[in-house]
């Protein structure tokens, strides 16, 4: 019976340590904005490429879209 009790106590302590380490790691990653760097920045670049056809910042890429360029006709009138 004492072996089962010892195993239970060890499992509870192990789960506590795992939860403590997990929450500490999450706090450090949030403070360093790890998730924003990994998921946010590449998505912003990709969405700019999808929307404007030009990779980069959305505020700058909008002006580079081909539809915003002034068009000049190359045909000459007779």
PDB file of N, CA and C in Angstrom:
ATOM      1  N   UNK A   1       0.818  -1.189   0.000  1.00  0.00           N
ATOM      2  CA  UNK A   1       0.000   0.000   0.000  1.00  0.00           C
ATOM      3  C   UNK A   1       0.866   1.259   0.000  1.00  0.00           C
ATOM      4  N   UNK A   2       2.025   1.248   0.648  1.00  0.00           N
ATOM      5  CA  UNK A   2       2.852   2.446   0.706  1.00  0.00           C
ATOM      6  C   UNK A   2       3.521   2.720  -0.632  1.00  0.00           C
ATOM      7  N   UNK A   3       3.740   1.695  -1.447  1.00  0.00           N
ATOM      8  CA  UNK A   3       4.324   1.918  -2.774  1.00  0.00           C
ATOM      9  C   UNK A   3       3.328   2.664  -3.671  1.00  0.00           C
ATOM     10  N   UNK A   4       2.046   2.317  -3.565  1.00  0.00           N
ATOM     11  CA  UNK A   4       1.036   3.017  -4.341  1.00  0.00           C
ATOM     12  C   UNK A   4       0.933   4.473  -3.891  1.00  0.00           C
ATOM     13  N   UNK A   5       1.029   4.704  -2.607  1.00  0.00           N
ATOM     14  CA  UNK A   5       0.970   6.069  -2.080  1.00  0.00           C
ATOM     15  C   UNK A   5       2.172   6.882  -2.519  1.00  0.00           C
ATOM     16  N   UNK A   6       3.332   6.253  -2.507  1.00  0.00           N
ATOM     17  CA  UNK A   6       4.543   6.942  -2.940  1.00  0.00           C
ATOM     18  C   UNK A   6       4.455   7.274  -4.429  1.00  0.00           C
ATOM     19  N   UNK A   7       3.946   6.352  -5.231  1.00  0.00           N
ATOM     20  CA  UNK A   7       3.794   6.596  -6.670  1.00  0.00           C
ATOM     21  C   UNK A   7       2.817   7.742  -6.913  1.00  0.00           C
ATOM     22  N   UNK A   8       1.753   7.797  -6.141  1.00  0.00           N
ATOM     23  CA  UNK A   8       0.772   8.874  -6.281  1.00  0.00           C
ATOM     24  C   UNK A   8       1.404  10.224  -5.945  1.00  0.00           C
ATOM     25  N   UNK A   9       2.135  10.274  -4.846  1.00  0.00           N
ATOM     26  CA  UNK A   9       2.805  11.518  -4.446  1.00  0.00           C
ATOM     27  C   UNK A   9       3.823  11.940  -5.502  1.00  0.00           C
ATOM     28  N   UNK A  10       4.583  10.995  -6.029  1.00  0.00           N
ATOM     29  CA  UNK A  10       5.576  11.327  -7.061  1.00  0.00           C
ATOM     30  C   UNK A  10       4.896  11.852  -8.318  1.00  0.00           C
ATOM     31  N   UNK A  11       3.776  11.250  -8.709  1.00  0.00           N
ATOM     32  CA  UNK A  11       3.053  11.719  -9.898  1.00  0.00           C
ATOM     33  C   UNK A  11       2.496  13.121  -9.691  1.00  0.00           C
ATOM     34  N   UNK A  12       1.953  13.373  -8.516  1.00  0.00           N
ATOM     35  CA  UNK A  12       1.420  14.706  -8.223  1.00  0.00           C
ATOM     36  C   UNK A  12       2.548  15.738  -8.239  1.00  0.00           C
ATOM     37  N   UNK A  13       3.670  15.434  -7.641  1.00  0.00           N
ATOM     38  CA  UNK A  13       4.811  16.359  -7.643  1.00  0.00           C
ATOM     39  C   UNK A  13       5.343  16.568  -9.063  1.00  0.00           C
ATOM     40  N   UNK A  14       5.408  15.496  -9.832  1.00  0.00           N
ATOM     41  CA  UNK A  14       5.898  15.601 -11.208  1.00  0.00           C
ATOM     42  C   UNK A  14       4.958  16.475 -12.049  1.00  0.00           C
ATOM     43  N   UNK A  15       3.661  16.295 -11.899  1.00  0.00           N
ATOM     44  CA  UNK A  15       2.702  17.135 -12.623  1.00  0.00           C
ATOM     45  C   UNK A  15       2.830  18.597 -12.197  1.00  0.00           C
ATOM     46  N   UNK A  16       3.060  18.830 -10.917  1.00  0.00           N
ATOM     47  CA  UNK A  16       3.246  20.198 -10.439  1.00  0.00           C
ATOM     48  C   UNK A  16       4.476  20.853 -11.048  1.00  0.00           C
ATOM     49  N   UNK A  17       5.559  20.107 -11.127  1.00  0.00           N
ATOM     50  CA  UNK A  17       6.793  20.636 -11.722  1.00  0.00           C
ATOM     51  C   UNK A  17       6.582  20.914 -13.208  1.00  0.00           C
ATOM     52  N   UNK A  18       5.922  20.005 -13.897  1.00  0.00           N
ATOM     53  CA  UNK A  18       5.669  20.202 -15.332  1.00  0.00           C
ATOM     54  C   UNK A  18       4.810  21.436 -15.555  1.00  0.00           C
ATOM     55  N   UNK A  19       3.763  21.613 -14.773  1.00  0.00           N
ATOM     56  CA  UNK A  19       2.888  22.783 -14.913  1.00  0.00           C
ATOM     57  C   UNK A  19       3.652  24.063 -14.597  1.00  0.00           C
ATOM     58  N   UNK A  20       4.488  24.030 -13.579  1.00  0.00           N
ATOM     59  CA  UNK A  20       5.283  25.205 -13.210  1.00  0.00           C
ATOM     60  C   UNK A  20       6.248  25.588 -14.323  1.00  0.00           C
ATOM     61  N   UNK A  21       6.942  24.620 -14.877  1.00  0.00           N
ATOM     62  CA  UNK A  21       7.884  24.889 -15.971  1.00  0.00           C
ATOM     63  C   UNK A  21       7.129  25.380 -17.202  1.00  0.00           C
ATOM     64  N   UNK A  22       5.998  24.762 -17.508  1.00  0.00           N
ATOM     65  CA  UNK A  22       5.196  25.151 -18.673  1.00  0.00           C
ATOM     66  C   UNK A  22       4.721  26.595 -18.569  1.00  0.00           C
ATOM     67  N   UNK A  23       4.172  26.977 -17.427  1.00  0.00           N
ATOM     68  CA  UNK A  23       3.682  28.347 -17.270  1.00  0.00           C
ATOM     69  C   UNK A  23       4.833  29.351 -17.300  1.00  0.00           C
ATOM     70  N   UNK A  24       5.974  28.983 -16.731  1.00  0.00           N
ATOM     71  CA  UNK A  24       7.139  29.867 -16.792  1.00  0.00           C
ATOM     72  C   UNK A  24       7.618  30.067 -18.215  1.00  0.00           C
ATOM     73  N   UNK A  25       7.649  28.993 -18.984  1.00  0.00           N
ATOM     74  CA  UNK A  25       8.091  29.094 -20.381  1.00  0.00           C
ATOM     75  C   UNK A  25       7.120  29.943 -21.190  1.00  0.00           C
ATOM     76  N   UNK A  26       5.830  29.768 -20.975  1.00  0.00           N
ATOM     77  CA  UNK A  26       4.822  30.560 -21.695  1.00  0.00           C
ATOM     78  C   UNK A  26       4.967  32.042 -21.362  1.00  0.00           C
ATOM     79  N   UNK A  27       5.209  32.368 -20.098  1.00  0.00           N
ATOM     80  CA  UNK A  27       5.371  33.774 -19.710  1.00  0.00           C
ATOM     81  C   UNK A  27       6.596  34.391 -20.375  1.00  0.00           C
ATOM     82  N   UNK A  28       7.694  33.641 -20.428  1.00  0.00           N
ATOM     83  CA  UNK A  28       8.902  34.155 -21.081  1.00  0.00           C
ATOM     84  C   UNK A  28       8.653  34.356 -22.567  1.00  0.00           C
ATOM     85  N   UNK A  29       7.977  33.401 -23.205  1.00  0.00           N
ATOM     86  CA  UNK A  29       7.709  33.527 -24.632  1.00  0.00           C
ATOM     87  C   UNK A  29       6.766  34.677 -24.923  1.00  0.00           C
ATOM     88  N   UNK A  30       5.796  34.926 -24.064  1.00  0.00           N
ATOM     89  CA  UNK A  30       4.901  36.064 -24.256  1.00  0.00           C
ATOM     90  C   UNK A  30       5.632  37.379 -24.063  1.00  0.00           C
ATOM     91  N   UNK A  31       6.491  37.443 -23.066  1.00  0.00           N
ATOM     92  CA  UNK A  31       7.224  38.676 -22.792  1.00  0.00           C
ATOM     93  C   UNK A  31       8.144  39.029 -23.963  1.00  0.00           C
ATOM     94  N   UNK A  32       8.751  38.015 -24.563  1.00  0.00           N
ATOM     95  CA  UNK A  32       9.651  38.248 -25.692  1.00  0.00           C
ATOM     96  C   UNK A  32       8.912  38.330 -27.027  1.00  0.00           C
ATOM     97  N   UNK A  33       7.583  38.238 -26.986  1.00  0.00           N
ATOM     98  CA  UNK A  33       6.732  38.279 -28.179  1.00  0.00           C
ATOM     99  C   UNK A  33       7.154  37.239 -29.210  1.00  0.00           C
ATOM    100  N   UNK A  34       7.484  36.057 -28.724  1.00  0.00           N
ATOM    101  CA  UNK A  34       7.922  34.967 -29.589  1.00  0.00           C
ATOM    102  C   UNK A  34       6.826  34.560 -30.574  1.00  0.00           C
ATOM    103  N   UNK A  35       5.603  34.425 -30.069  1.00  0.00           N
ATOM    104  CA  UNK A  35       4.509  33.974 -30.921  1.00  0.00           C
ATOM    105  C   UNK A  35       4.198  34.993 -32.011  1.00  0.00           C
ATOM    106  N   UNK A  36       4.298  36.274 -31.686  1.00  0.00           N
ATOM    107  CA  UNK A  36       4.064  37.321 -32.687  1.00  0.00           C
ATOM    108  C   UNK A  36       5.120  37.254 -33.780  1.00  0.00           C
ATOM    109  N   UNK A  37       6.368  37.016 -33.398  1.00  0.00           N
ATOM    110  CA  UNK A  37       7.446  36.948 -34.379  1.00  0.00           C
ATOM    111  C   UNK A  37       7.314  35.717 -35.263  1.00  0.00           C
ATOM    112  N   UNK A  38       6.889  34.604 -34.674  1.00  0.00           N
ATOM    113  CA  UNK A  38       6.811  33.357 -35.438  1.00  0.00           C
ATOM    114  C   UNK A  38       5.568  33.320 -36.328  1.00  0.00           C
ATOM    115  N   UNK A  39       4.423  33.758 -35.792  1.00  0.00           N
ATOM    116  CA  UNK A  39       3.179  33.614 -36.535  1.00  0.00           C
ATOM    117  C   UNK A  39       2.684  34.922 -37.142  1.00  0.00           C
ATOM    118  N   UNK A  40       2.934  36.044 -36.507  1.00  0.00           N
ATOM    119  CA  UNK A  40       2.372  37.312 -36.966  1.00  0.00           C
ATOM    120  C   UNK A  40       3.111  37.923 -38.135  1.00  0.00           C
ATOM    121  N   UNK A  41       4.419  38.048 -38.029  1.00  0.00           N
ATOM    122  CA  UNK A  41       5.187  38.718 -39.067  1.00  0.00           C
ATOM    123  C   UNK A  41       5.166  37.978 -40.405  1.00  0.00           C
ATOM    124  N   UNK A  42       5.354  36.650 -40.419  1.00  0.00           N
ATOM    125  CA  UNK A  42       5.255  35.972 -41.718  1.00  0.00           C
ATOM    126  C   UNK A  42       3.859  36.078 -42.328  1.00  0.00           C
ATOM    127  N   UNK A  43       2.814  36.040 -41.496  1.00  0.00           N
ATOM    128  CA  UNK A  43       1.462  36.152 -42.028  1.00  0.00           C
ATOM    129  C   UNK A  43       1.216  37.539 -42.597  1.00  0.00           C
ATOM    130  N   UNK A  44       1.738  38.574 -41.961  1.00  0.00           N
ATOM    131  CA  UNK A  44       1.565  39.933 -42.479  1.00  0.00           C
ATOM    132  C   UNK A  44       2.220  40.061 -43.848  1.00  0.00           C
ATOM    133  N   UNK A  45       3.384  39.493 -43.998  1.00  0.00           N
ATOM    134  CA  UNK A  45       4.082  39.529 -45.288  1.00  0.00           C
ATOM    135  C   UNK A  45       3.313  38.726 -46.341  1.00  0.00           C
ATOM    136  N   UNK A  46       2.815  37.552 -45.942  1.00  0.00           N
ATOM    137  CA  UNK A  46       2.067  36.717 -46.867  1.00  0.00           C
ATOM    138  C   UNK A  46       0.749  37.368 -47.270  1.00  0.00           C
ATOM    139  N   UNK A  47       0.037  37.969 -46.317  1.00  0.00           N
ATOM    140  CA  UNK A  47      -1.241  38.602 -46.655  1.00  0.00           C
ATOM    141  C   UNK A  47      -1.020  39.818 -47.551  1.00  0.00           C
ATOM    142  N   UNK A  48       0.082  40.525 -47.366  1.00  0.00           N
ATOM    143  CA  UNK A  48       0.406  41.639 -48.251  1.00  0.00           C
ATOM    144  C   UNK A  48       0.685  41.133 -49.661  1.00  0.00           C
ATOM    145  N   UNK A  49       1.368  40.013 -49.755  1.00  0.00           N
ATOM    146  CA  UNK A  49       1.653  39.432 -51.064  1.00  0.00           C
ATOM    147  C   UNK A  49       0.365  38.972 -51.737  1.00  0.00           C
ATOM    148  N   UNK A  50      -0.535  38.379 -50.962  1.00  0.00           N
ATOM    149  CA  UNK A  50      -1.808  37.921 -51.519  1.00  0.00           C
ATOM    150  C   UNK A  50      -2.644  39.105 -51.990  1.00  0.00           C
ATOM    151  N   UNK A  51      -2.711  40.153 -51.198  1.00  0.00           N
ATOM    152  CA  UNK A  51      -3.588  41.276 -51.508  1.00  0.00           C
ATOM    153  C   UNK A  51      -3.032  42.195 -52.589  1.00  0.00           C
ATOM    154  N   UNK A  52      -1.733  42.494 -52.511  1.00  0.00           N
ATOM    155  CA  UNK A  52      -1.154  43.491 -53.410  1.00  0.00           C
ATOM    156  C   UNK A  52      -0.191  42.916 -54.443  1.00  0.00           C
ATOM    157  N   UNK A  53       0.214  41.669 -54.282  1.00  0.00           N
ATOM    158  CA  UNK A  53       1.162  41.083 -55.211  1.00  0.00           C
ATOM    159  C   UNK A  53       2.595  41.488 -54.936  1.00  0.00           C
ATOM    160  N   UNK A  54       2.816  42.181 -53.838  1.00  0.00           N
ATOM    161  CA  UNK A  54       4.148  42.655 -53.476  1.00  0.00           C
ATOM    162  C   UNK A  54       4.399  42.304 -52.017  1.00  0.00           C
ATOM    163  N   UNK A  55       5.458  41.545 -51.711  1.00  0.00           N
ATOM    164  CA  UNK A  55       5.718  41.232 -50.301  1.00  0.00           C
ATOM    165  C   UNK A  55       6.221  42.460 -49.554  1.00  0.00           C
ATOM    166  N   UNK A  56       5.871  42.536 -48.293  1.00  0.00           N
ATOM    167  CA  UNK A  56       6.334  43.648 -47.470  1.00  0.00           C
ATOM    168  C   UNK A  56       5.235  44.168 -46.575  1.00  0.00           C
ATOM    169  N   UNK A  57       5.442  45.346 -46.061  1.00  0.00           N
ATOM    170  CA  UNK A  57       4.483  45.985 -45.169  1.00  0.00           C
ATOM    171  C   UNK A  57       3.253  46.416 -45.956  1.00  0.00           C
ATOM    172  N   UNK A  58       2.068  46.220 -45.375  1.00  0.00           N
ATOM    173  CA  UNK A  58       0.811  46.538 -46.064  1.00  0.00           C
ATOM    174  C   UNK A  58       0.711  48.030 -46.393  1.00  0.00           C
ATOM    175  N   UNK A  59       1.216  48.881 -45.508  1.00  0.00           N
ATOM    176  CA  UNK A  59       1.099  50.327 -45.746  1.00  0.00           C
ATOM    177  C   UNK A  59       1.940  50.762 -46.937  1.00  0.00           C
ATOM    178  N   UNK A  60       3.068  50.101 -47.158  1.00  0.00           N
ATOM    179  CA  UNK A  60       3.962  50.460 -48.253  1.00  0.00           C
ATOM    180  C   UNK A  60       3.575  49.718 -49.531  1.00  0.00           C
ATOM    181  N   UNK A  61       3.133  48.478 -49.392  1.00  0.00           N
ATOM    182  CA  UNK A  61       2.849  47.638 -50.558  1.00  0.00           C
ATOM    183  C   UNK A  61       1.645  48.110 -51.346  1.00  0.00           C
ATOM    184  N   UNK A  62       0.693  48.758 -50.699  1.00  0.00           N
ATOM    185  CA  UNK A  62      -0.498  49.218 -51.401  1.00  0.00           C
ATOM    186  C   UNK A  62      -0.168  50.153 -52.554  1.00  0.00           C
ATOM    187  N   UNK A  63       0.830  50.981 -52.375  1.00  0.00           N
ATOM    188  CA  UNK A  63       1.218  51.914 -53.428  1.00  0.00           C
ATOM    189  C   UNK A  63       1.953  51.224 -54.561  1.00  0.00           C
ATOM    190  N   UNK A  64       2.458  50.036 -54.341  1.00  0.00           N
ATOM    191  CA  UNK A  64       3.205  49.312 -55.369  1.00  0.00           C
ATOM    192  C   UNK A  64       2.325  48.389 -56.207  1.00  0.00           C
ATOM    193  N   UNK A  65       1.055  48.278 -55.863  1.00  0.00           N
ATOM    194  CA  UNK A  65       0.160  47.389 -56.597  1.00  0.00           C
ATOM    195  C   UNK A  65       0.011  47.884 -58.034  1.00  0.00           C
ATOM    196  N   UNK A  66       0.016  46.985 -59.009  1.00  0.00           N
ATOM    197  CA  UNK A  66      -0.075  47.420 -60.409  1.00  0.00           C
ATOM    198  C   UNK A  66      -1.325  48.237 -60.729  1.00  0.00           C
ATOM    199  N   UNK A  67      -2.413  48.036 -60.022  1.00  0.00           N
ATOM    200  CA  UNK A  67      -3.637  48.778 -60.313  1.00  0.00           C
ATOM    201  C   UNK A  67      -3.529  50.252 -59.912  1.00  0.00           C
ATOM    202  N   UNK A  68      -2.578  50.597 -59.060  1.00  0.00           N
ATOM    203  CA  UNK A  68      -2.443  51.990 -58.639  1.00  0.00           C
ATOM    204  C   UNK A  68      -1.497  52.784 -59.540  1.00  0.00           C
ATOM    205  N   UNK A  69      -0.814  52.111 -60.448  1.00  0.00           N
ATOM    206  CA  UNK A  69       0.113  52.798 -61.338  1.00  0.00           C
ATOM    207  C   UNK A  69      -0.663  53.533 -62.431  1.00  0.00           C
ATOM    208  N   UNK A  70      -0.138  54.657 -62.837  1.00  0.00           N
ATOM    209  CA  UNK A  70      -0.782  55.360 -63.951  1.00  0.00           C
ATOM    210  C   UNK A  70      -0.429  54.619 -65.233  1.00  0.00           C
ATOM    211  N   UNK A  71      -1.414  54.447 -66.070  1.00  0.00           N
ATOM    212  CA  UNK A  71      -1.221  53.688 -67.305  1.00  0.00           C
ATOM    213  C   UNK A  71      -1.070  54.651 -68.472  1.00  0.00           C
ATOM    214  N   UNK A  72      -0.165  54.293 -69.362  1.00  0.00           N
ATOM    215  CA  UNK A  72       0.033  55.073 -70.567  1.00  0.00           C
ATOM    216  C   UNK A  72      -0.168  54.146 -71.747  1.00  0.00           C
ATOM    217  N   UNK A  73      -0.888  54.622 -72.725  1.00  0.00           N
ATOM    218  CA  UNK A  73      -1.149  53.816 -73.907  1.00  0.00           C
ATOM    219  C   UNK A  73       0.040  53.898 -74.840  1.00  0.00           C
ATOM    220  N   UNK A  74       0.382  52.769 -75.401  1.00  0.00           N
ATOM    221  CA  UNK A  74       1.499  52.748 -76.338  1.00  0.00           C
ATOM    222  C   UNK A  74       1.009  52.818 -77.781  1.00  0.00           C
ATOM    223  N   UNK A  75      -0.303  52.789 -77.950  1.00  0.00           N
ATOM    224  CA  UNK A  75      -0.826  52.871 -79.318  1.00  0.00           C
ATOM    225  C   UNK A  75      -0.814  54.315 -79.798  1.00  0.00           C
ATOM    226  N   UNK A  76      -0.495  54.474 -81.050  1.00  0.00           N
ATOM    227  CA  UNK A  76      -0.491  55.813 -81.639  1.00  0.00           C
ATOM    228  C   UNK A  76      -1.720  55.982 -82.515  1.00  0.00           C
ATOM    229  N   UNK A  77      -2.236  57.177 -82.499  1.00  0.00           N
ATOM    230  CA  UNK A  77      -3.373  57.466 -83.368  1.00  0.00           C
ATOM    231  C   UNK A  77      -2.880  57.803 -84.763  1.00  0.00           C
ATOM    232  N   UNK A  78      -3.652  57.429 -85.710  1.00  0.00           N
ATOM    233  CA  UNK A  78      -3.280  57.755 -87.110  1.00  0.00           C
ATOM    234  C   UNK A  78      -3.792  59.096 -87.522  1.00  0.00           C
TER     235      UNK A  78
END
